[in-house]
Amino acid sequence: GSLRLSCAASGRTFTRYGMGWVRQAPGKEREFVA
């Protein structure tokens, strides 16, 4: 199946920045996704 995650940012804005998705499964370390 499919899901779409959203990440909404508010507050101070920046003209240039990076956004990452990271995940953590039970009992595991956090890992890079995208």
PDB file of all heavy atoms in Angstrom:
ATOM      1  N   GLY A   1       0.808  -1.213   0.000  1.00  0.00           N
ATOM      2  CA  GLY A   1       0.000   0.000   0.000  1.00  0.00           C
ATOM      3  C   GLY A   1       0.842   1.264   0.000  1.00  0.00           C
ATOM      4  O   GLY A   1       2.074   1.214  -0.065  1.00  0.00           O
ATOM      5  N   SER A   2       0.148   2.399   0.074  1.00  0.00           N
ATOM      6  CA  SER A   2       0.813   3.705   0.001  1.00  0.00           C
ATOM      7  C   SER A   2       0.353   4.627   1.124  1.00  0.00           C
ATOM      8  O   SER A   2      -0.780   4.506   1.621  1.00  0.00           O
ATOM      9  CB  SER A   2       0.505   4.373  -1.345  1.00  0.00           C
ATOM     10  OG  SER A   2       0.992   3.610  -2.418  1.00  0.00           O
ATOM     11  N   LEU A   3       1.232   5.522   1.487  1.00  0.00           N
ATOM     12  CA  LEU A   3       0.914   6.598   2.422  1.00  0.00           C
ATOM     13  C   LEU A   3       1.676   7.835   1.975  1.00  0.00           C
ATOM     14  O   LEU A   3       2.747   7.723   1.366  1.00  0.00           O
ATOM     15  CB  LEU A   3       1.344   6.252   3.851  1.00  0.00           C
ATOM     16  CG  LEU A   3       0.503   5.308   4.691  1.00  0.00           C
ATOM     17  CD1 LEU A   3       1.191   5.026   6.009  1.00  0.00           C
ATOM     18  CD2 LEU A   3      -0.896   5.869   4.923  1.00  0.00           C
ATOM     19  N   ARG A   4       1.134   8.987   2.294  1.00  0.00           N
ATOM     20  CA  ARG A   4       1.868  10.217   2.066  1.00  0.00           C
ATOM     21  C   ARG A   4       2.005  10.966   3.381  1.00  0.00           C
ATOM     22  O   ARG A   4       1.006  11.359   3.988  1.00  0.00           O
ATOM     23  CB  ARG A   4       1.192  11.124   1.036  1.00  0.00           C
ATOM     24  CG  ARG A   4       2.084  12.312   0.668  1.00  0.00           C
ATOM     25  CD  ARG A   4       1.512  13.191  -0.415  1.00  0.00           C
ATOM     26  NE  ARG A   4       0.520  14.126   0.089  1.00  0.00           N
ATOM     27  CZ  ARG A   4       0.205  15.270  -0.509  1.00  0.00           C
ATOM     28  NH1 ARG A   4       0.799  15.604  -1.638  1.00  0.00           N
ATOM     29  NH2 ARG A   4      -0.721  16.069  -0.008  1.00  0.00           N
ATOM     30  N   LEU A   5       3.245  11.146   3.800  1.00  0.00           N
ATOM     31  CA  LEU A   5       3.517  11.906   5.000  1.00  0.00           C
ATOM     32  C   LEU A   5       3.716  13.374   4.642  1.00  0.00           C
ATOM     33  O   LEU A   5       4.253  13.692   3.587  1.00  0.00           O
ATOM     34  CB  LEU A   5       4.772  11.382   5.700  1.00  0.00           C
ATOM     35  CG  LEU A   5       4.788   9.902   6.075  1.00  0.00           C
ATOM     36  CD1 LEU A   5       6.073   9.583   6.851  1.00  0.00           C
ATOM     37  CD2 LEU A   5       3.571   9.513   6.867  1.00  0.00           C
ATOM     38  N   SER A   6       3.271  14.229   5.537  1.00  0.00           N
ATOM     39  CA  SER A   6       3.475  15.664   5.374  1.00  0.00           C
ATOM     40  C   SER A   6       4.229  16.194   6.579  1.00  0.00           C
ATOM     41  O   SER A   6       4.066  15.694   7.693  1.00  0.00           O
ATOM     42  CB  SER A   6       2.137  16.390   5.264  1.00  0.00           C
ATOM     43  OG  SER A   6       1.398  15.954   4.149  1.00  0.00           O
ATOM     44  N   CYS A   7       5.026  17.197   6.352  1.00  0.00           N
ATOM     45  CA  CYS A   7       5.730  17.878   7.432  1.00  0.00           C
ATOM     46  C   CYS A   7       5.535  19.370   7.222  1.00  0.00           C
ATOM     47  O   CYS A   7       6.095  19.945   6.283  1.00  0.00           O
ATOM     48  CB  CYS A   7       7.209  17.522   7.430  1.00  0.00           C
ATOM     49  SG  CYS A   7       8.181  18.450   8.631  1.00  0.00           S
ATOM     50  N   ALA A   8       4.727  19.964   8.073  1.00  0.00           N
ATOM     51  CA  ALA A   8       4.424  21.386   7.952  1.00  0.00           C
ATOM     52  C   ALA A   8       5.337  22.185   8.870  1.00  0.00           C
ATOM     53  O   ALA A   8       5.466  21.871  10.052  1.00  0.00           O
ATOM     54  CB  ALA A   8       2.966  21.638   8.308  1.00  0.00           C
ATOM     55  N   ALA A   9       5.950  23.206   8.313  1.00  0.00           N
ATOM     56  CA  ALA A   9       6.850  24.055   9.077  1.00  0.00           C
ATOM     57  C   ALA A   9       6.191  25.398   9.352  1.00  0.00           C
ATOM     58  O   ALA A   9       5.519  25.957   8.479  1.00  0.00           O
ATOM     59  CB  ALA A   9       8.150  24.268   8.315  1.00  0.00           C
ATOM     60  N   SER A  10       6.376  25.906  10.537  1.00  0.00           N
ATOM     61  CA  SER A  10       5.849  27.223  10.898  1.00  0.00           C
ATOM     62  C   SER A  10       6.871  27.938  11.768  1.00  0.00           C
ATOM     63  O   SER A  10       7.816  27.340  12.274  1.00  0.00           O
ATOM     64  CB  SER A  10       4.522  27.091  11.644  1.00  0.00           C
ATOM     65  OG  SER A  10       4.693  26.363  12.846  1.00  0.00           O
ATOM     66  N   GLY A  11       6.640  29.230  11.929  1.00  0.00           N
ATOM     67  CA  GLY A  11       7.564  30.031  12.709  1.00  0.00           C
ATOM     68  C   GLY A  11       8.510  30.769  11.793  1.00  0.00           C
ATOM     69  O   GLY A  11       8.129  31.187  10.699  1.00  0.00           O
ATOM     70  N   ARG A  12       9.728  30.882  12.190  1.00  0.00           N
ATOM     71  CA  ARG A  12      10.716  31.594  11.398  1.00  0.00           C
ATOM     72  C   ARG A  12      10.934  30.878  10.074  1.00  0.00           C
ATOM     73  O   ARG A  12      10.994  29.648  10.031  1.00  0.00           O
ATOM     74  CB  ARG A  12      12.027  31.665  12.163  1.00  0.00           C
ATOM     75  CG  ARG A  12      13.112  32.450  11.465  1.00  0.00           C
ATOM     76  CD  ARG A  12      14.381  32.464  12.291  1.00  0.00           C
ATOM     77  NE  ARG A  12      15.484  33.099  11.589  1.00  0.00           N
ATOM     78  CZ  ARG A  12      16.733  33.136  12.040  1.00  0.00           C
ATOM     79  NH1 ARG A  12      17.021  32.574  13.207  1.00  0.00           N
ATOM     80  NH2 ARG A  12      17.672  33.723  11.344  1.00  0.00           N
ATOM     81  N   THR A  13      11.020  31.610   9.007  1.00  0.00           N
ATOM     82  CA  THR A  13      11.234  31.000   7.699  1.00  0.00           C
ATOM     83  C   THR A  13      12.643  31.292   7.218  1.00  0.00           C
ATOM     84  O   THR A  13      13.273  32.272   7.636  1.00  0.00           O
ATOM     85  CB  THR A  13      10.220  31.525   6.668  1.00  0.00           C
ATOM     86  OG1 THR A  13      10.339  32.949   6.586  1.00  0.00           O
ATOM     87  CG2 THR A  13       8.801  31.155   7.077  1.00  0.00           C
ATOM     88  N   PHE A  14      13.123  30.454   6.344  1.00  0.00           N
ATOM     89  CA  PHE A  14      14.463  30.574   5.798  1.00  0.00           C
ATOM     90  C   PHE A  14      14.370  30.474   4.289  1.00  0.00           C
ATOM     91  O   PHE A  14      13.514  29.781   3.745  1.00  0.00           O
ATOM     92  CB  PHE A  14      15.362  29.462   6.340  1.00  0.00           C
ATOM     93  CG  PHE A  14      15.542  29.518   7.824  1.00  0.00           C
ATOM     94  CD1 PHE A  14      14.603  28.923   8.659  1.00  0.00           C
ATOM     95  CD2 PHE A  14      16.615  30.168   8.386  1.00  0.00           C
ATOM     96  CE1 PHE A  14      14.748  28.983  10.030  1.00  0.00           C
ATOM     97  CE2 PHE A  14      16.769  30.219   9.749  1.00  0.00           C
ATOM     98  CZ  PHE A  14      15.839  29.628  10.579  1.00  0.00           C
ATOM     99  N   THR A  15      15.256  31.143   3.623  1.00  0.00           N
ATOM    100  CA  THR A  15      15.213  31.116   2.162  1.00  0.00           C
ATOM    101  C   THR A  15      15.969  29.931   1.599  1.00  0.00           C
ATOM    102  O   THR A  15      15.812  29.581   0.438  1.00  0.00           O
ATOM    103  CB  THR A  15      15.793  32.417   1.596  1.00  0.00           C
ATOM    104  OG1 THR A  15      17.119  32.578   2.092  1.00  0.00           O
ATOM    105  CG2 THR A  15      14.934  33.593   2.012  1.00  0.00           C
ATOM    106  N   ARG A  16      16.788  29.310   2.406  1.00  0.00           N
ATOM    107  CA  ARG A  16      17.585  28.194   1.901  1.00  0.00           C
ATOM    108  C   ARG A  16      17.817  27.219   3.046  1.00  0.00           C
ATOM    109  O   ARG A  16      18.398  27.576   4.064  1.00  0.00           O
ATOM    110  CB  ARG A  16      18.903  28.752   1.377  1.00  0.00           C
ATOM    111  CG  ARG A  16      19.930  27.739   1.025  1.00  0.00           C
ATOM    112  CD  ARG A  16      21.155  28.442   0.459  1.00  0.00           C
ATOM    113  NE  ARG A  16      22.356  27.742   0.797  1.00  0.00           N
ATOM    114  CZ  ARG A  16      23.513  27.911   0.182  1.00  0.00           C
ATOM    115  NH1 ARG A  16      23.609  28.784  -0.784  1.00  0.00           N
ATOM    116  NH2 ARG A  16      24.571  27.243   0.552  1.00  0.00           N
ATOM    117  N   TYR A  17      17.342  25.998   2.890  1.00  0.00           N
ATOM    118  CA  TYR A  17      17.528  25.018   3.957  1.00  0.00           C
ATOM    119  C   TYR A  17      17.280  23.614   3.440  1.00  0.00           C
ATOM    120  O   TYR A  17      16.801  23.415   2.327  1.00  0.00           O
ATOM    121  CB  TYR A  17      16.606  25.313   5.142  1.00  0.00           C
ATOM    122  CG  TYR A  17      15.140  25.427   4.804  1.00  0.00           C
ATOM    123  CD1 TYR A  17      14.264  24.377   5.045  1.00  0.00           C
ATOM    124  CD2 TYR A  17      14.626  26.601   4.276  1.00  0.00           C
ATOM    125  CE1 TYR A  17      12.917  24.497   4.747  1.00  0.00           C
ATOM    126  CE2 TYR A  17      13.283  26.727   3.983  1.00  0.00           C
ATOM    127  CZ  TYR A  17      12.435  25.680   4.225  1.00  0.00           C
ATOM    128  OH  TYR A  17      11.106  25.795   3.926  1.00  0.00           O
ATOM    129  N   GLY A  18      17.621  22.659   4.260  1.00  0.00           N
ATOM    130  CA  GLY A  18      17.424  21.262   3.908  1.00  0.00           C
ATOM    131  C   GLY A  18      16.425  20.611   4.831  1.00  0.00           C
ATOM    132  O   GLY A  18      16.336  20.951   6.007  1.00  0.00           O
ATOM    133  N   MET A  19      15.669  19.676   4.263  1.00  0.00           N
ATOM    134  CA  MET A  19      14.679  18.943   5.038  1.00  0.00           C
ATOM    135  C   MET A  19      14.940  17.459   4.859  1.00  0.00           C
ATOM    136  O   MET A  19      15.117  16.974   3.744  1.00  0.00           O
ATOM    137  CB  MET A  19      13.264  19.257   4.553  1.00  0.00           C
ATOM    138  CG  MET A  19      12.861  20.696   4.767  1.00  0.00           C
ATOM    139  SD  MET A  19      12.615  21.094   6.503  1.00  0.00           S
ATOM    140  CE  MET A  19      11.169  20.136   6.870  1.00  0.00           C
ATOM    141  N   GLY A  20      14.950  16.749   5.948  1.00  0.00           N
ATOM    142  CA  GLY A  20      15.187  15.315   5.884  1.00  0.00           C
ATOM    143  C   GLY A  20      14.084  14.531   6.554  1.00  0.00           C
ATOM    144  O   GLY A  20      13.383  15.044   7.428  1.00  0.00           O
ATOM    145  N   TRP A  21      13.921  13.309   6.106  1.00  0.00           N
ATOM    146  CA  TRP A  21      13.056  12.341   6.773  1.00  0.00           C
ATOM    147  C   TRP A  21      13.946  11.251   7.347  1.00  0.00           C
ATOM    148  O   TRP A  21      14.816  10.709   6.657  1.00  0.00           O
ATOM    149  CB  TRP A  21      12.054  11.725   5.814  1.00  0.00           C
ATOM    150  CG  TRP A  21      10.915  12.621   5.438  1.00  0.00           C
ATOM    151  CD1 TRP A  21      10.812  13.389   4.317  1.00  0.00           C
ATOM    152  CD2 TRP A  21       9.723  12.843   6.193  1.00  0.00           C
ATOM    153  NE1 TRP A  21       9.626  14.075   4.328  1.00  0.00           N
ATOM    154  CE2 TRP A  21       8.935  13.759   5.464  1.00  0.00           C
ATOM    155  CE3 TRP A  21       9.236  12.368   7.406  1.00  0.00           C
ATOM    156  CZ2 TRP A  21       7.692  14.210   5.905  1.00  0.00           C
ATOM    157  CZ3 TRP A  21       7.988  12.798   7.843  1.00  0.00           C
ATOM    158  CH2 TRP A  21       7.235  13.705   7.108  1.00  0.00           C
ATOM    159  N   VAL A  22      13.723  10.960   8.593  1.00  0.00           N
ATOM    160  CA  VAL A  22      14.489   9.956   9.330  1.00  0.00           C
ATOM    161  C   VAL A  22      13.476   9.049  10.010  1.00  0.00           C
ATOM    162  O   VAL A  22      12.412   9.509  10.418  1.00  0.00           O
ATOM    163  CB  VAL A  22      15.407  10.637  10.370  1.00  0.00           C
ATOM    164  CG1 VAL A  22      16.133   9.612  11.218  1.00  0.00           C
ATOM    165  CG2 VAL A  22      16.402  11.564   9.681  1.00  0.00           C
ATOM    166  N   ARG A  23      13.785   7.769  10.138  1.00  0.00           N
ATOM    167  CA  ARG A  23      12.849   6.869  10.809  1.00  0.00           C
ATOM    168  C   ARG A  23      13.560   6.046  11.867  1.00  0.00           C
ATOM    169  O   ARG A  23      14.768   5.835  11.804  1.00  0.00           O
ATOM    170  CB  ARG A  23      12.165   5.946   9.797  1.00  0.00           C
ATOM    171  CG  ARG A  23      13.089   4.927   9.144  1.00  0.00           C
ATOM    172  CD  ARG A  23      12.332   4.176   8.058  1.00  0.00           C
ATOM    173  NE  ARG A  23      13.172   3.167   7.425  1.00  0.00           N
ATOM    174  CZ  ARG A  23      12.805   2.440   6.372  1.00  0.00           C
ATOM    175  NH1 ARG A  23      11.593   2.613   5.821  1.00  0.00           N
ATOM    176  NH2 ARG A  23      13.617   1.548   5.860  1.00  0.00           N
ATOM    177  N   GLN A  24      12.769   5.590  12.821  1.00  0.00           N
ATOM    178  CA  GLN A  24      13.303   4.742  13.873  1.00  0.00           C
ATOM    179  C   GLN A  24      12.331   3.614  14.143  1.00  0.00           C
ATOM    180  O   GLN A  24      11.185   3.845  14.561  1.00  0.00           O
ATOM    181  CB  GLN A  24      13.550   5.534  15.154  1.00  0.00           C
ATOM    182  CG  GLN A  24      14.254   4.733  16.234  1.00  0.00           C
ATOM    183  CD  GLN A  24      14.781   5.596  17.352  1.00  0.00           C
ATOM    184  OE1 GLN A  24      14.325   6.706  17.586  1.00  0.00           O
ATOM    185  NE2 GLN A  24      15.786   5.088  18.060  1.00  0.00           N
ATOM    186  N   ALA A  25      12.798   2.411  13.889  1.00  0.00           N
ATOM    187  CA  ALA A  25      11.993   1.226  14.140  1.00  0.00           C
ATOM    188  C   ALA A  25      12.215   0.761  15.581  1.00  0.00           C
ATOM    189  O   ALA A  25      13.250   1.073  16.179  1.00  0.00           O
ATOM    190  CB  ALA A  25      12.378   0.119  13.166  1.00  0.00           C
ATOM    191  N   PRO A  26      11.289  -0.003  16.134  1.00  0.00           N
ATOM    192  CA  PRO A  26      11.448  -0.476  17.522  1.00  0.00           C
ATOM    193  C   PRO A  26      12.740  -1.238  17.708  1.00  0.00           C
ATOM    194  O   PRO A  26      13.068  -2.144  16.933  1.00  0.00           O
ATOM    195  CB  PRO A  26      10.229  -1.388  17.710  1.00  0.00           C
ATOM    196  CG  PRO A  26       9.226  -0.892  16.742  1.00  0.00           C
ATOM    197  CD  PRO A  26      10.009  -0.418  15.549  1.00  0.00           C
ATOM    198  N   GLY A  27      13.507  -0.854  18.712  1.00  0.00           N
ATOM    199  CA  GLY A  27      14.746  -1.548  19.030  1.00  0.00           C
ATOM    200  C   GLY A  27      15.904  -1.246  18.098  1.00  0.00           C
ATOM    201  O   GLY A  27      16.950  -1.883  18.202  1.00  0.00           O
ATOM    202  N   LYS A  28      15.705  -0.302  17.184  1.00  0.00           N
ATOM    203  CA  LYS A  28      16.770   0.025  16.231  1.00  0.00           C
ATOM    204  C   LYS A  28      17.153   1.490  16.328  1.00  0.00           C
ATOM    205  O   LYS A  28      16.419   2.300  16.880  1.00  0.00           O
ATOM    206  CB  LYS A  28      16.319  -0.303  14.807  1.00  0.00           C
ATOM    207  CG  LYS A  28      16.080  -1.778  14.567  1.00  0.00           C
ATOM    208  CD  LYS A  28      15.773  -2.038  13.100  1.00  0.00           C
ATOM    209  CE  LYS A  28      15.589  -3.522  12.832  1.00  0.00           C
ATOM    210  NZ  LYS A  28      15.304  -3.805  11.386  1.00  0.00           N
ATOM    211  N   GLU A  29      18.304   1.808  15.769  1.00  0.00           N
ATOM    212  CA  GLU A  29      18.743   3.192  15.743  1.00  0.00           C
ATOM    213  C   GLU A  29      18.001   3.954  14.646  1.00  0.00           C
ATOM    214  O   GLU A  29      17.490   3.362  13.696  1.00  0.00           O
ATOM    215  CB  GLU A  29      20.255   3.258  15.504  1.00  0.00           C
ATOM    216  CG  GLU A  29      21.082   2.696  16.650  1.00  0.00           C
ATOM    217  CD  GLU A  29      22.566   2.938  16.450  1.00  0.00           C
ATOM    218  OE1 GLU A  29      22.954   3.421  15.388  1.00  0.00           O
ATOM    219  OE2 GLU A  29      23.332   2.628  17.384  1.00  0.00           O
ATOM    220  N   ARG A  30      17.991   5.268  14.793  1.00  0.00           N
ATOM    221  CA  ARG A  30      17.392   6.089  13.780  1.00  0.00           C
ATOM    222  C   ARG A  30      18.189   5.969  12.488  1.00  0.00           C
ATOM    223  O   ARG A  30      19.417   5.889  12.522  1.00  0.00           O
ATOM    224  CB  ARG A  30      17.361   7.547  14.269  1.00  0.00           C
ATOM    225  CG  ARG A  30      16.081   8.239  14.023  1.00  0.00           C
ATOM    226  CD  ARG A  30      15.756   9.367  14.957  1.00  0.00           C
ATOM    227  NE  ARG A  30      16.828  10.083  15.563  1.00  0.00           N
ATOM    228  CZ  ARG A  30      16.629  11.121  16.372  1.00  0.00           C
ATOM    229  NH1 ARG A  30      15.391  11.503  16.610  1.00  0.00           N
ATOM    230  NH2 ARG A  30      17.624  11.727  16.918  1.00  0.00           N
ATOM    231  N   GLU A  31      17.468   5.974  11.360  1.00  0.00           N
ATOM    232  CA  GLU A  31      18.165   5.845  10.080  1.00  0.00           C
ATOM    233  C   GLU A  31      17.627   6.856   9.079  1.00  0.00           C
ATOM    234  O   GLU A  31      16.435   7.209   9.079  1.00  0.00           O
ATOM    235  CB  GLU A  31      18.028   4.428   9.513  1.00  0.00           C
ATOM    236  CG  GLU A  31      16.625   4.015   9.167  1.00  0.00           C
ATOM    237  CD  GLU A  31      16.560   2.677   8.430  1.00  0.00           C
ATOM    238  OE1 GLU A  31      17.621   2.119   8.099  1.00  0.00           O
ATOM    239  OE2 GLU A  31      15.436   2.217   8.172  1.00  0.00           O
ATOM    240  N   PHE A  32      18.500   7.287   8.196  1.00  0.00           N
ATOM    241  CA  PHE A  32      18.151   8.230   7.134  1.00  0.00           C
ATOM    242  C   PHE A  32      17.185   7.578   6.155  1.00  0.00           C
ATOM    243  O   PHE A  32      17.327   6.410   5.813  1.00  0.00           O
ATOM    244  CB  PHE A  32      19.437   8.660   6.420  1.00  0.00           C
ATOM    245  CG  PHE A  32      19.212   9.313   5.094  1.00  0.00           C
ATOM    246  CD1 PHE A  32      18.801  10.621   5.007  1.00  0.00           C
ATOM    247  CD2 PHE A  32      19.414   8.597   3.919  1.00  0.00           C
ATOM    248  CE1 PHE A  32      18.594  11.222   3.788  1.00  0.00           C
ATOM    249  CE2 PHE A  32      19.216   9.179   2.691  1.00  0.00           C
ATOM    250  CZ  PHE A  32      18.808  10.501   2.620  1.00  0.00           C
ATOM    251  N   VAL A  33      16.229   8.376   5.696  1.00  0.00           N
ATOM    252  CA  VAL A  33      15.274   7.901   4.690  1.00  0.00           C
ATOM    253  C   VAL A  33      15.406   8.714   3.406  1.00  0.00           C
ATOM    254  O   VAL A  33      15.604   8.165   2.325  1.00  0.00           O
ATOM    255  CB  VAL A  33      13.829   7.992   5.209  1.00  0.00           C
ATOM    256  CG1 VAL A  33      12.840   7.597   4.120  1.00  0.00           C
ATOM    257  CG2 VAL A  33      13.638   7.121   6.438  1.00  0.00           C
ATOM    258  N   ALA A  34      15.278  10.040   3.509  1.00  0.00           N
ATOM    259  CA  ALA A  34      15.316  10.889   2.321  1.00  0.00           C
ATOM    260  C   ALA A  34      15.650  12.316   2.737  1.00  0.00           C
ATOM    261  O   ALA A  34      15.450  12.707   3.885  1.00  0.00           O
ATOM    262  CB  ALA A  34      13.984  10.853   1.583  1.00  0.00           C
TER     263      ALA A  34
END
